[in-house]
Amino acid sequence: MNLIKKMLRDQSGQGMVEYGLIVALIAVALIAAFTLLGTEIRELFSRIVATLRGV
């Protein structure tokens, strides 16, 4: 019984779960931003390459 109580009070893994959730949220936000801005970013890099090539 003491082992179960000790396991319920143990919060050592709680911080890692929180960090995992933060990383997942950042990943979702980046995927959404790249999806929404994908064509604009592609066009921007195309213009940069064209400028560097002198076209």
PDB file of N, CA and C in Angstrom:
ATOM      1  N   MET A   1       0.823  -1.195   0.000  1.00  0.00           N
ATOM      2  CA  MET A   1       0.000   0.000   0.000  1.00  0.00           C
ATOM      3  C   MET A   1       0.874   1.269   0.000  1.00  0.00           C
ATOM      4  N   ASN A   2       1.966   1.224   0.759  1.00  0.00           N
ATOM      5  CA  ASN A   2       2.864   2.380   0.799  1.00  0.00           C
ATOM      6  C   ASN A   2       3.484   2.642  -0.561  1.00  0.00           C
ATOM      7  N   LEU A   3       3.749   1.576  -1.315  1.00  0.00           N
ATOM      8  CA  LEU A   3       4.331   1.728  -2.644  1.00  0.00           C
ATOM      9  C   LEU A   3       3.386   2.488  -3.572  1.00  0.00           C
ATOM     10  N   ILE A   4       2.102   2.184  -3.488  1.00  0.00           N
ATOM     11  CA  ILE A   4       1.105   2.867  -4.329  1.00  0.00           C
ATOM     12  C   ILE A   4       1.020   4.344  -3.946  1.00  0.00           C
ATOM     13  N   LYS A   5       1.018   4.639  -2.656  1.00  0.00           N
ATOM     14  CA  LYS A   5       0.970   6.042  -2.217  1.00  0.00           C
ATOM     15  C   LYS A   5       2.205   6.792  -2.682  1.00  0.00           C
ATOM     16  N   LYS A   6       3.361   6.126  -2.585  1.00  0.00           N
ATOM     17  CA  LYS A   6       4.599   6.761  -3.013  1.00  0.00           C
ATOM     18  C   LYS A   6       4.579   7.046  -4.508  1.00  0.00           C
ATOM     19  N   MET A   7       4.060   6.106  -5.297  1.00  0.00           N
ATOM     20  CA  MET A   7       3.987   6.299  -6.739  1.00  0.00           C
ATOM     21  C   MET A   7       3.033   7.428  -7.107  1.00  0.00           C
ATOM     22  N   LEU A   8       1.941   7.567  -6.371  1.00  0.00           N
ATOM     23  CA  LEU A   8       0.981   8.635  -6.655  1.00  0.00           C
ATOM     24  C   LEU A   8       1.542  10.015  -6.321  1.00  0.00           C
ATOM     25  N   ARG A   9       2.425  10.097  -5.321  1.00  0.00           N
ATOM     26  CA  ARG A   9       3.021  11.383  -4.942  1.00  0.00           C
ATOM     27  C   ARG A   9       4.217  11.746  -5.803  1.00  0.00           C
ATOM     28  N   ASP A  10       4.797  10.774  -6.483  1.00  0.00           N
ATOM     29  CA  ASP A  10       5.998  11.016  -7.286  1.00  0.00           C
ATOM     30  C   ASP A  10       5.633  11.853  -8.504  1.00  0.00           C
ATOM     31  N   GLN A  11       6.292  12.990  -8.650  1.00  0.00           N
ATOM     32  CA  GLN A  11       6.004  13.896  -9.763  1.00  0.00           C
ATOM     33  C   GLN A  11       7.233  14.135 -10.621  1.00  0.00           C
ATOM     34  N   SER A  12       8.189  13.219 -10.580  1.00  0.00           N
ATOM     35  CA  SER A  12       9.429  13.441 -11.321  1.00  0.00           C
ATOM     36  C   SER A  12       9.213  13.440 -12.827  1.00  0.00           C
ATOM     37  N   GLY A  13       8.248  12.703 -13.325  1.00  0.00           N
ATOM     38  CA  GLY A  13       7.991  12.666 -14.754  1.00  0.00           C
ATOM     39  C   GLY A  13       7.077  13.764 -15.246  1.00  0.00           C
ATOM     40  N   GLN A  14       6.513  14.513 -14.331  1.00  0.00           N
ATOM     41  CA  GLN A  14       5.561  15.555 -14.702  1.00  0.00           C
ATOM     42  C   GLN A  14       6.220  16.641 -15.543  1.00  0.00           C
ATOM     43  N   GLY A  15       7.424  17.033 -15.198  1.00  0.00           N
ATOM     44  CA  GLY A  15       8.110  18.081 -15.948  1.00  0.00           C
ATOM     45  C   GLY A  15       8.389  17.670 -17.385  1.00  0.00           C
ATOM     46  N   MET A  16       8.777  16.409 -17.576  1.00  0.00           N
ATOM     47  CA  MET A  16       9.059  15.934 -18.929  1.00  0.00           C
ATOM     48  C   MET A  16       7.791  15.916 -19.779  1.00  0.00           C
ATOM     49  N   VAL A  17       6.681  15.575 -19.185  1.00  0.00           N
ATOM     50  CA  VAL A  17       5.415  15.585 -19.925  1.00  0.00           C
ATOM     51  C   VAL A  17       5.072  17.007 -20.339  1.00  0.00           C
ATOM     52  N   GLU A  18       5.280  17.952 -19.452  1.00  0.00           N
ATOM     53  CA  GLU A  18       4.994  19.351 -19.781  1.00  0.00           C
ATOM     54  C   GLU A  18       5.892  19.843 -20.905  1.00  0.00           C
ATOM     55  N   TYR A  19       7.175  19.500 -20.832  1.00  0.00           N
ATOM     56  CA  TYR A  19       8.086  19.892 -21.923  1.00  0.00           C
ATOM     57  C   TYR A  19       7.671  19.234 -23.232  1.00  0.00           C
ATOM     58  N   GLY A  20       7.244  17.997 -23.173  1.00  0.00           N
ATOM     59  CA  GLY A  20       6.789  17.304 -24.377  1.00  0.00           C
ATOM     60  C   GLY A  20       5.577  17.987 -24.985  1.00  0.00           C
ATOM     61  N   LEU A  21       4.654  18.418 -24.141  1.00  0.00           N
ATOM     62  CA  LEU A  21       3.469  19.122 -24.635  1.00  0.00           C
ATOM     63  C   LEU A  21       3.838  20.460 -25.258  1.00  0.00           C
ATOM     64  N   ILE A  22       4.785  21.166 -24.668  1.00  0.00           N
ATOM     65  CA  ILE A  22       5.222  22.446 -25.226  1.00  0.00           C
ATOM     66  C   ILE A  22       5.872  22.235 -26.588  1.00  0.00           C
ATOM     67  N   VAL A  23       6.731  21.223 -26.693  1.00  0.00           N
ATOM     68  CA  VAL A  23       7.386  20.936 -27.974  1.00  0.00           C
ATOM     69  C   VAL A  23       6.356  20.558 -29.025  1.00  0.00           C
ATOM     70  N   ALA A  24       5.354  19.764 -28.639  1.00  0.00           N
ATOM     71  CA  ALA A  24       4.305  19.371 -29.581  1.00  0.00           C
ATOM     72  C   ALA A  24       3.507  20.587 -30.039  1.00  0.00           C
ATOM     73  N   LEU A  25       3.208  21.486 -29.140  1.00  0.00           N
ATOM     74  CA  LEU A  25       2.462  22.700 -29.494  1.00  0.00           C
ATOM     75  C   LEU A  25       3.267  23.576 -30.447  1.00  0.00           C
ATOM     76  N   ILE A  26       4.555  23.713 -30.196  1.00  0.00           N
ATOM     77  CA  ILE A  26       5.407  24.491 -31.093  1.00  0.00           C
ATOM     78  C   ILE A  26       5.466  23.840 -32.469  1.00  0.00           C
ATOM     79  N   ALA A  27       5.559  22.510 -32.505  1.00  0.00           N
ATOM     80  CA  ALA A  27       5.601  21.796 -33.785  1.00  0.00           C
ATOM     81  C   ALA A  27       4.316  22.012 -34.569  1.00  0.00           C
ATOM     82  N   VAL A  28       3.180  21.948 -33.906  1.00  0.00           N
ATOM     83  CA  VAL A  28       1.893  22.168 -34.580  1.00  0.00           C
ATOM     84  C   VAL A  28       1.818  23.595 -35.111  1.00  0.00           C
ATOM     85  N   ALA A  29       2.284  24.560 -34.321  1.00  0.00           N
ATOM     86  CA  ALA A  29       2.258  25.956 -34.769  1.00  0.00           C
ATOM     87  C   ALA A  29       3.165  26.160 -35.986  1.00  0.00           C
ATOM     88  N   LEU A  30       4.349  25.542 -35.976  1.00  0.00           N
ATOM     89  CA  LEU A  30       5.250  25.671 -37.124  1.00  0.00           C
ATOM     90  C   LEU A  30       4.667  25.021 -38.372  1.00  0.00           C
ATOM     91  N   ILE A  31       4.069  23.865 -38.222  1.00  0.00           N
ATOM     92  CA  ILE A  31       3.455  23.187 -39.381  1.00  0.00           C
ATOM     93  C   ILE A  31       2.331  24.046 -39.945  1.00  0.00           C
ATOM     94  N   ALA A  32       1.525  24.627 -39.078  1.00  0.00           N
ATOM     95  CA  ALA A  32       0.433  25.490 -39.544  1.00  0.00           C
ATOM     96  C   ALA A  32       0.983  26.723 -40.258  1.00  0.00           C
ATOM     97  N   ALA A  33       2.030  27.322 -39.709  1.00  0.00           N
ATOM     98  CA  ALA A  33       2.604  28.507 -40.332  1.00  0.00           C
ATOM     99  C   ALA A  33       3.209  28.172 -41.684  1.00  0.00           C
ATOM    100  N   PHE A  34       3.945  27.060 -41.773  1.00  0.00           N
ATOM    101  CA  PHE A  34       4.538  26.672 -43.054  1.00  0.00           C
ATOM    102  C   PHE A  34       3.469  26.307 -44.070  1.00  0.00           C
ATOM    103  N   THR A  35       2.384  25.724 -43.623  1.00  0.00           N
ATOM    104  CA  THR A  35       1.298  25.376 -44.539  1.00  0.00           C
ATOM    105  C   THR A  35       0.637  26.636 -45.084  1.00  0.00           C
ATOM    106  N   LEU A  36       0.391  27.588 -44.204  1.00  0.00           N
ATOM    107  CA  LEU A  36      -0.273  28.816 -44.635  1.00  0.00           C
ATOM    108  C   LEU A  36       0.636  29.718 -45.456  1.00  0.00           C
ATOM    109  N   LEU A  37       1.921  29.737 -45.145  1.00  0.00           N
ATOM    110  CA  LEU A  37       2.849  30.642 -45.809  1.00  0.00           C
ATOM    111  C   LEU A  37       3.750  29.953 -46.821  1.00  0.00           C
ATOM    112  N   GLY A  38       3.468  28.701 -47.130  1.00  0.00           N
ATOM    113  CA  GLY A  38       4.341  27.913 -47.994  1.00  0.00           C
ATOM    114  C   GLY A  38       4.577  28.533 -49.359  1.00  0.00           C
ATOM    115  N   THR A  39       3.519  28.969 -50.019  1.00  0.00           N
ATOM    116  CA  THR A  39       3.683  29.525 -51.364  1.00  0.00           C
ATOM    117  C   THR A  39       4.433  30.857 -51.330  1.00  0.00           C
ATOM    118  N   GLU A  40       4.154  31.677 -50.320  1.00  0.00           N
ATOM    119  CA  GLU A  40       4.853  32.959 -50.218  1.00  0.00           C
ATOM    120  C   GLU A  40       6.344  32.746 -49.965  1.00  0.00           C
ATOM    121  N   ILE A  41       6.665  31.788 -49.111  1.00  0.00           N
ATOM    122  CA  ILE A  41       8.072  31.501 -48.823  1.00  0.00           C
ATOM    123  C   ILE A  41       8.770  30.967 -50.063  1.00  0.00           C
ATOM    124  N   ARG A  42       8.113  30.081 -50.808  1.00  0.00           N
ATOM    125  CA  ARG A  42       8.691  29.529 -52.034  1.00  0.00           C
ATOM    126  C   ARG A  42       8.942  30.642 -53.052  1.00  0.00           C
ATOM    127  N   GLU A  43       7.987  31.545 -53.212  1.00  0.00           N
ATOM    128  CA  GLU A  43       8.163  32.653 -54.146  1.00  0.00           C
ATOM    129  C   GLU A  43       9.286  33.589 -53.707  1.00  0.00           C
ATOM    130  N   LEU A  44       9.404  33.815 -52.416  1.00  0.00           N
ATOM    131  CA  LEU A  44      10.470  34.669 -51.900  1.00  0.00           C
ATOM    132  C   LEU A  44      11.832  34.070 -52.211  1.00  0.00           C
ATOM    133  N   PHE A  45      12.005  32.777 -51.960  1.00  0.00           N
ATOM    134  CA  PHE A  45      13.279  32.138 -52.255  1.00  0.00           C
ATOM    135  C   PHE A  45      13.547  32.107 -53.757  1.00  0.00           C
ATOM    136  N   SER A  46      12.521  31.970 -54.560  1.00  0.00           N
ATOM    137  CA  SER A  46      12.714  32.007 -56.015  1.00  0.00           C
ATOM    138  C   SER A  46      13.205  33.374 -56.463  1.00  0.00           C
ATOM    139  N   ARG A  47      12.653  34.426 -55.891  1.00  0.00           N
ATOM    140  CA  ARG A  47      13.113  35.777 -56.230  1.00  0.00           C
ATOM    141  C   ARG A  47      14.548  36.011 -55.779  1.00  0.00           C
ATOM    142  N   ILE A  48      14.882  35.484 -54.603  1.00  0.00           N
ATOM    143  CA  ILE A  48      16.260  35.632 -54.100  1.00  0.00           C
ATOM    144  C   ILE A  48      17.238  34.909 -55.019  1.00  0.00           C
ATOM    145  N   VAL A  49      16.890  33.693 -55.428  1.00  0.00           N
ATOM    146  CA  VAL A  49      17.775  32.932 -56.327  1.00  0.00           C
ATOM    147  C   VAL A  49      17.900  33.643 -57.659  1.00  0.00           C
ATOM    148  N   ALA A  50      16.803  34.154 -58.189  1.00  0.00           N
ATOM    149  CA  ALA A  50      16.839  34.868 -59.468  1.00  0.00           C
ATOM    150  C   ALA A  50      17.714  36.114 -59.367  1.00  0.00           C
ATOM    151  N   THR A  51      17.624  36.813 -58.252  1.00  0.00           N
ATOM    152  CA  THR A  51      18.436  38.018 -58.049  1.00  0.00           C
ATOM    153  C   THR A  51      19.922  37.657 -57.959  1.00  0.00           C
ATOM    154  N   LEU A  52      20.216  36.576 -57.240  1.00  0.00           N
ATOM    155  CA  LEU A  52      21.624  36.172 -57.106  1.00  0.00           C
ATOM    156  C   LEU A  52      22.205  35.700 -58.425  1.00  0.00           C
ATOM    157  N   ARG A  53      21.371  35.098 -59.266  1.00  0.00           N
ATOM    158  CA  ARG A  53      21.838  34.638 -60.578  1.00  0.00           C
ATOM    159  C   ARG A  53      21.913  35.780 -61.574  1.00  0.00           C
ATOM    160  N   GLY A  54      21.264  36.892 -61.284  1.00  0.00           N
ATOM    161  CA  GLY A  54      21.288  38.037 -62.175  1.00  0.00           C
ATOM    162  C   GLY A  54      20.274  37.935 -63.286  1.00  0.00           C
ATOM    163  N   VAL A  55      19.232  37.175 -63.072  1.00  0.00           N
ATOM    164  CA  VAL A  55      18.196  36.984 -64.114  1.00  0.00           C
ATOM    165  C   VAL A  55      17.204  38.121 -64.050  1.00  0.00           C
TER     166      VAL A  55
END
